[in-house]
Amino acid sequence: MRWMIYIGFAVLYLLTTLYGLGPVLLADGSFRERMLTLAVVLLIYAGITWGLRDLLRRTGKR
């Protein structure tokens, strides 16, 4: 069961990296736009990490 959780969250991290950090690094927008996008991407990473830790904590107490 845990390996399925890890695979699912690895896919989430990869998709966030691909579609989140790509616009931050390669965008031709203003500096402010890049920083706003970076802040949103970091919040998404924090949310995914929090969800993974919470899910692992709940499944580990069986």
PDB file of N, CA and C in Angstrom:
ATOM      1  N   MET A   1       0.820  -1.198   0.000  1.00  0.00           N
ATOM      2  CA  MET A   1       0.000   0.000   0.000  1.00  0.00           C
ATOM      3  C   MET A   1       0.865   1.263   0.000  1.00  0.00           C
ATOM      4  N   ARG A   2       1.936   1.236   0.803  1.00  0.00           N
ATOM      5  CA  ARG A   2       2.789   2.425   0.889  1.00  0.00           C
ATOM      6  C   ARG A   2       3.479   2.733  -0.425  1.00  0.00           C
ATOM      7  N   TRP A   3       3.838   1.702  -1.173  1.00  0.00           N
ATOM      8  CA  TRP A   3       4.530   1.944  -2.444  1.00  0.00           C
ATOM      9  C   TRP A   3       3.619   2.636  -3.439  1.00  0.00           C
ATOM     10  N   MET A   4       2.320   2.368  -3.382  1.00  0.00           N
ATOM     11  CA  MET A   4       1.380   3.061  -4.268  1.00  0.00           C
ATOM     12  C   MET A   4       1.296   4.544  -3.899  1.00  0.00           C
ATOM     13  N   ILE A   5       1.335   4.830  -2.615  1.00  0.00           N
ATOM     14  CA  ILE A   5       1.318   6.220  -2.155  1.00  0.00           C
ATOM     15  C   ILE A   5       2.568   6.943  -2.650  1.00  0.00           C
ATOM     16  N   TYR A   6       3.720   6.291  -2.503  1.00  0.00           N
ATOM     17  CA  TYR A   6       4.972   6.909  -2.949  1.00  0.00           C
ATOM     18  C   TYR A   6       4.981   7.147  -4.457  1.00  0.00           C
ATOM     19  N   ILE A   7       4.485   6.198  -5.225  1.00  0.00           N
ATOM     20  CA  ILE A   7       4.441   6.368  -6.680  1.00  0.00           C
ATOM     21  C   ILE A   7       3.500   7.511  -7.054  1.00  0.00           C
ATOM     22  N   GLY A   8       2.335   7.561  -6.432  1.00  0.00           N
ATOM     23  CA  GLY A   8       1.379   8.629  -6.717  1.00  0.00           C
ATOM     24  C   GLY A   8       1.935  10.007  -6.407  1.00  0.00           C
ATOM     25  N   PHE A   9       2.600  10.124  -5.272  1.00  0.00           N
ATOM     26  CA  PHE A   9       3.159  11.423  -4.912  1.00  0.00           C
ATOM     27  C   PHE A   9       4.393  11.763  -5.742  1.00  0.00           C
ATOM     28  N   ALA A  10       5.147  10.759  -6.174  1.00  0.00           N
ATOM     29  CA  ALA A  10       6.273  11.022  -7.076  1.00  0.00           C
ATOM     30  C   ALA A  10       5.768  11.601  -8.391  1.00  0.00           C
ATOM     31  N   VAL A  11       4.648  11.076  -8.880  1.00  0.00           N
ATOM     32  CA  VAL A  11       4.049  11.614 -10.104  1.00  0.00           C
ATOM     33  C   VAL A  11       3.595  13.055  -9.876  1.00  0.00           C
ATOM     34  N   LEU A  12       2.993  13.328  -8.725  1.00  0.00           N
ATOM     35  CA  LEU A  12       2.577  14.702  -8.414  1.00  0.00           C
ATOM     36  C   LEU A  12       3.771  15.655  -8.370  1.00  0.00           C
ATOM     37  N   TYR A  13       4.862  15.221  -7.738  1.00  0.00           N
ATOM     38  CA  TYR A  13       6.064  16.057  -7.691  1.00  0.00           C
ATOM     39  C   TYR A  13       6.635  16.291  -9.085  1.00  0.00           C
ATOM     40  N   LEU A  14       6.671  15.245  -9.910  1.00  0.00           N
ATOM     41  CA  LEU A  14       7.204  15.396 -11.270  1.00  0.00           C
ATOM     42  C   LEU A  14       6.353  16.343 -12.105  1.00  0.00           C
ATOM     43  N   LEU A  15       5.038  16.212 -12.007  1.00  0.00           N
ATOM     44  CA  LEU A  15       4.158  17.098 -12.769  1.00  0.00           C
ATOM     45  C   LEU A  15       4.268  18.544 -12.285  1.00  0.00           C
ATOM     46  N   THR A  16       4.386  18.718 -10.976  1.00  0.00           N
ATOM     47  CA  THR A  16       4.545  20.066 -10.438  1.00  0.00           C
ATOM     48  C   THR A  16       5.868  20.673 -10.891  1.00  0.00           C
ATOM     49  N   THR A  17       6.908  19.859 -10.914  1.00  0.00           N
ATOM     50  CA  THR A  17       8.204  20.351 -11.368  1.00  0.00           C
ATOM     51  C   THR A  17       8.151  20.721 -12.841  1.00  0.00           C
ATOM     52  N   LEU A  18       7.552  19.868 -13.645  1.00  0.00           N
ATOM     53  CA  LEU A  18       7.501  20.108 -15.084  1.00  0.00           C
ATOM     54  C   LEU A  18       6.674  21.341 -15.421  1.00  0.00           C
ATOM     55  N   TYR A  19       5.459  21.397 -14.888  1.00  0.00           N
ATOM     56  CA  TYR A  19       4.554  22.485 -15.252  1.00  0.00           C
ATOM     57  C   TYR A  19       4.643  23.694 -14.328  1.00  0.00           C
ATOM     58  N   GLY A  20       5.346  23.563 -13.212  1.00  0.00           N
ATOM     59  CA  GLY A  20       5.464  24.677 -12.280  1.00  0.00           C
ATOM     60  C   GLY A  20       6.779  25.411 -12.399  1.00  0.00           C
ATOM     61  N   LEU A  21       7.871  24.665 -12.378  1.00  0.00           N
ATOM     62  CA  LEU A  21       9.175  25.321 -12.438  1.00  0.00           C
ATOM     63  C   LEU A  21       9.571  25.711 -13.849  1.00  0.00           C
ATOM     64  N   GLY A  22       9.026  25.049 -14.840  1.00  0.00           N
ATOM     65  CA  GLY A  22       9.311  25.425 -16.227  1.00  0.00           C
ATOM     66  C   GLY A  22       8.963  26.874 -16.515  1.00  0.00           C
ATOM     67  N   PRO A  23       7.743  27.317 -16.200  1.00  0.00           N
ATOM     68  CA  PRO A  23       7.401  28.725 -16.423  1.00  0.00           C
ATOM     69  C   PRO A  23       8.236  29.697 -15.585  1.00  0.00           C
ATOM     70  N   VAL A  24       8.677  29.260 -14.413  1.00  0.00           N
ATOM     71  CA  VAL A  24       9.503  30.142 -13.583  1.00  0.00           C
ATOM     72  C   VAL A  24      10.875  30.332 -14.224  1.00  0.00           C
ATOM     73  N   LEU A  25      11.455  29.253 -14.716  1.00  0.00           N
ATOM     74  CA  LEU A  25      12.811  29.324 -15.257  1.00  0.00           C
ATOM     75  C   LEU A  25      12.863  29.838 -16.689  1.00  0.00           C
ATOM     76  N   LEU A  26      11.856  29.510 -17.491  1.00  0.00           N
ATOM     77  CA  LEU A  26      11.924  29.795 -18.920  1.00  0.00           C
ATOM     78  C   LEU A  26      10.977  30.892 -19.391  1.00  0.00           C
ATOM     79  N   ALA A  27      10.211  31.469 -18.494  1.00  0.00           N
ATOM     80  CA  ALA A  27       9.227  32.478 -18.906  1.00  0.00           C
ATOM     81  C   ALA A  27       9.922  33.768 -19.324  1.00  0.00           C
ATOM     82  N   ASP A  28       9.297  34.459 -20.246  1.00  0.00           N
ATOM     83  CA  ASP A  28       9.852  35.741 -20.670  1.00  0.00           C
ATOM     84  C   ASP A  28       9.061  36.906 -20.074  1.00  0.00           C
ATOM     85  N   GLY A  29       8.328  36.631 -19.007  1.00  0.00           N
ATOM     86  CA  GLY A  29       7.555  37.674 -18.342  1.00  0.00           C
ATOM     87  C   GLY A  29       8.437  38.528 -17.446  1.00  0.00           C
ATOM     88  N   SER A  30       7.799  39.406 -16.726  1.00  0.00           N
ATOM     89  CA  SER A  30       8.531  40.304 -15.837  1.00  0.00           C
ATOM     90  C   SER A  30       9.047  39.538 -14.615  1.00  0.00           C
ATOM     91  N   PHE A  31       9.966  40.161 -13.907  1.00  0.00           N
ATOM     92  CA  PHE A  31      10.531  39.554 -12.707  1.00  0.00           C
ATOM     93  C   PHE A  31       9.445  39.318 -11.663  1.00  0.00           C
ATOM     94  N   ARG A  32       8.533  40.255 -11.543  1.00  0.00           N
ATOM     95  CA  ARG A  32       7.446  40.128 -10.569  1.00  0.00           C
ATOM     96  C   ARG A  32       6.553  38.936 -10.901  1.00  0.00           C
ATOM     97  N   GLU A  33       6.267  38.740 -12.180  1.00  0.00           N
ATOM     98  CA  GLU A  33       5.442  37.614 -12.603  1.00  0.00           C
ATOM     99  C   GLU A  33       6.134  36.284 -12.294  1.00  0.00           C
ATOM    100  N   ARG A  34       7.438  36.231 -12.525  1.00  0.00           N
ATOM    101  CA  ARG A  34       8.190  35.013 -12.212  1.00  0.00           C
ATOM    102  C   ARG A  34       8.173  34.718 -10.716  1.00  0.00           C
ATOM    103  N   MET A  35       8.341  35.740  -9.904  1.00  0.00           N
ATOM    104  CA  MET A  35       8.367  35.540  -8.455  1.00  0.00           C
ATOM    105  C   MET A  35       6.995  35.127  -7.923  1.00  0.00           C
ATOM    106  N   LEU A  36       5.944  35.667  -8.504  1.00  0.00           N
ATOM    107  CA  LEU A  36       4.602  35.259  -8.110  1.00  0.00           C
ATOM    108  C   LEU A  36       4.365  33.796  -8.471  1.00  0.00           C
ATOM    109  N   THR A  37       4.788  33.405  -9.656  1.00  0.00           N
ATOM    110  CA  THR A  37       4.657  32.008 -10.072  1.00  0.00           C
ATOM    111  C   THR A  37       5.483  31.103  -9.169  1.00  0.00           C
ATOM    112  N   LEU A  38       6.687  31.535  -8.812  1.00  0.00           N
ATOM    113  CA  LEU A  38       7.529  30.753  -7.910  1.00  0.00           C
ATOM    114  C   LEU A  38       6.870  30.583  -6.548  1.00  0.00           C
ATOM    115  N   ALA A  39       6.263  31.636  -6.027  1.00  0.00           N
ATOM    116  CA  ALA A  39       5.581  31.547  -4.733  1.00  0.00           C
ATOM    117  C   ALA A  39       4.432  30.550  -4.792  1.00  0.00           C
ATOM    118  N   VAL A  40       3.669  30.568  -5.870  1.00  0.00           N
ATOM    119  CA  VAL A  40       2.556  29.628  -6.020  1.00  0.00           C
ATOM    120  C   VAL A  40       3.079  28.199  -6.122  1.00  0.00           C
ATOM    121  N   VAL A  41       4.143  28.001  -6.883  1.00  0.00           N
ATOM    122  CA  VAL A  41       4.719  26.662  -7.031  1.00  0.00           C
ATOM    123  C   VAL A  41       5.246  26.156  -5.692  1.00  0.00           C
ATOM    124  N   LEU A  42       5.892  27.011  -4.919  1.00  0.00           N
ATOM    125  CA  LEU A  42       6.377  26.597  -3.600  1.00  0.00           C
ATOM    126  C   LEU A  42       5.228  26.242  -2.664  1.00  0.00           C
ATOM    127  N   LEU A  43       4.122  26.972  -2.754  1.00  0.00           N
ATOM    128  CA  LEU A  43       2.943  26.618  -1.956  1.00  0.00           C
ATOM    129  C   LEU A  43       2.373  25.266  -2.384  1.00  0.00           C
ATOM    130  N   ILE A  44       2.392  24.992  -3.677  1.00  0.00           N
ATOM    131  CA  ILE A  44       1.916  23.694  -4.168  1.00  0.00           C
ATOM    132  C   ILE A  44       2.820  22.577  -3.654  1.00  0.00           C
ATOM    133  N   TYR A  45       4.148  22.787  -3.713  1.00  0.00           N
ATOM    134  CA  TYR A  45       5.081  21.799  -3.160  1.00  0.00           C
ATOM    135  C   TYR A  45       4.819  21.570  -1.672  1.00  0.00           C
ATOM    136  N   ALA A  46       4.598  22.642  -0.926  1.00  0.00           N
ATOM    137  CA  ALA A  46       4.327  22.515   0.507  1.00  0.00           C
ATOM    138  C   ALA A  46       3.037  21.741   0.744  1.00  0.00           C
ATOM    139  N   GLY A  47       2.016  22.002  -0.061  1.00  0.00           N
ATOM    140  CA  GLY A  47       0.756  21.274   0.074  1.00  0.00           C
ATOM    141  C   GLY A  47       0.903  19.799  -0.244  1.00  0.00           C
ATOM    142  N   ILE A  48       1.653  19.479  -1.280  1.00  0.00           N
ATOM    143  CA  ILE A  48       1.873  18.073  -1.628  1.00  0.00           C
ATOM    144  C   ILE A  48       2.655  17.375  -0.517  1.00  0.00           C
ATOM    145  N   THR A  49       3.682  18.033  -0.001  1.00  0.00           N
ATOM    146  CA  THR A  49       4.484  17.445   1.070  1.00  0.00           C
ATOM    147  C   THR A  49       3.652  17.247   2.328  1.00  0.00           C
ATOM    148  N   TRP A  50       2.838  18.234   2.663  1.00  0.00           N
ATOM    149  CA  TRP A  50       1.972  18.097   3.834  1.00  0.00           C
ATOM    150  C   TRP A  50       0.999  16.928   3.639  1.00  0.00           C
ATOM    151  N   GLY A  51       0.426  16.810   2.454  1.00  0.00           N
ATOM    152  CA  GLY A  51      -0.498  15.711   2.170  1.00  0.00           C
ATOM    153  C   GLY A  51       0.177  14.359   2.267  1.00  0.00           C
ATOM    154  N   LEU A  52       1.401  14.251   1.766  1.00  0.00           N
ATOM    155  CA  LEU A  52       2.142  12.990   1.839  1.00  0.00           C
ATOM    156  C   LEU A  52       2.433  12.623   3.286  1.00  0.00           C
ATOM    157  N   ARG A  53       2.917  13.576   4.058  1.00  0.00           N
ATOM    158  CA  ARG A  53       3.228  13.289   5.466  1.00  0.00           C
ATOM    159  C   ARG A  53       1.977  12.900   6.242  1.00  0.00           C
ATOM    160  N   ASP A  54       0.879  13.595   5.986  1.00  0.00           N
ATOM    161  CA  ASP A  54      -0.372  13.293   6.675  1.00  0.00           C
ATOM    162  C   ASP A  54      -0.874  11.902   6.306  1.00  0.00           C
ATOM    163  N   LEU A  55      -0.832  11.583   5.033  1.00  0.00           N
ATOM    164  CA  LEU A  55      -1.295  10.273   4.574  1.00  0.00           C
ATOM    165  C   LEU A  55      -0.418   9.151   5.120  1.00  0.00           C
ATOM    166  N   LEU A  56       0.887   9.342   5.130  1.00  0.00           N
ATOM    167  CA  LEU A  56       1.780   8.319   5.678  1.00  0.00           C
ATOM    168  C   LEU A  56       1.588   8.163   7.181  1.00  0.00           C
ATOM    169  N   ARG A  57       1.325   9.255   7.868  1.00  0.00           N
ATOM    170  CA  ARG A  57       1.087   9.179   9.309  1.00  0.00           C
ATOM    171  C   ARG A  57      -0.190   8.392   9.594  1.00  0.00           C
ATOM    172  N   ARG A  58      -1.224   8.617   8.779  1.00  0.00           N
ATOM    173  CA  ARG A  58      -2.489   7.903   8.983  1.00  0.00           C
ATOM    174  C   ARG A  58      -2.386   6.429   8.624  1.00  0.00           C
ATOM    175  N   THR A  59      -1.679   6.095   7.573  1.00  0.00           N
ATOM    176  CA  THR A  59      -1.583   4.692   7.165  1.00  0.00           C
ATOM    177  C   THR A  59      -0.597   3.921   8.023  1.00  0.00           C
ATOM    178  N   GLY A  60       0.306   4.592   8.706  1.00  0.00           N
ATOM    179  CA  GLY A  60       1.291   3.915   9.537  1.00  0.00           C
ATOM    180  C   GLY A  60       0.760   3.478  10.882  1.00  0.00           C
ATOM    181  N   LYS A  61      -0.410   3.942  11.284  1.00  0.00           N
ATOM    182  CA  LYS A  61      -0.961   3.640  12.612  1.00  0.00           C
ATOM    183  C   LYS A  61      -1.951   2.486  12.586  1.00  0.00           C
ATOM    184  N   ARG A  62      -1.725   1.514  11.760  1.00  0.00           N
ATOM    185  CA  ARG A  62      -2.646   0.366  11.702  1.00  0.00           C
ATOM    186  C   ARG A  62      -2.350  -0.642  12.755  1.00  0.00           C
TER     187      ARG A  62
END
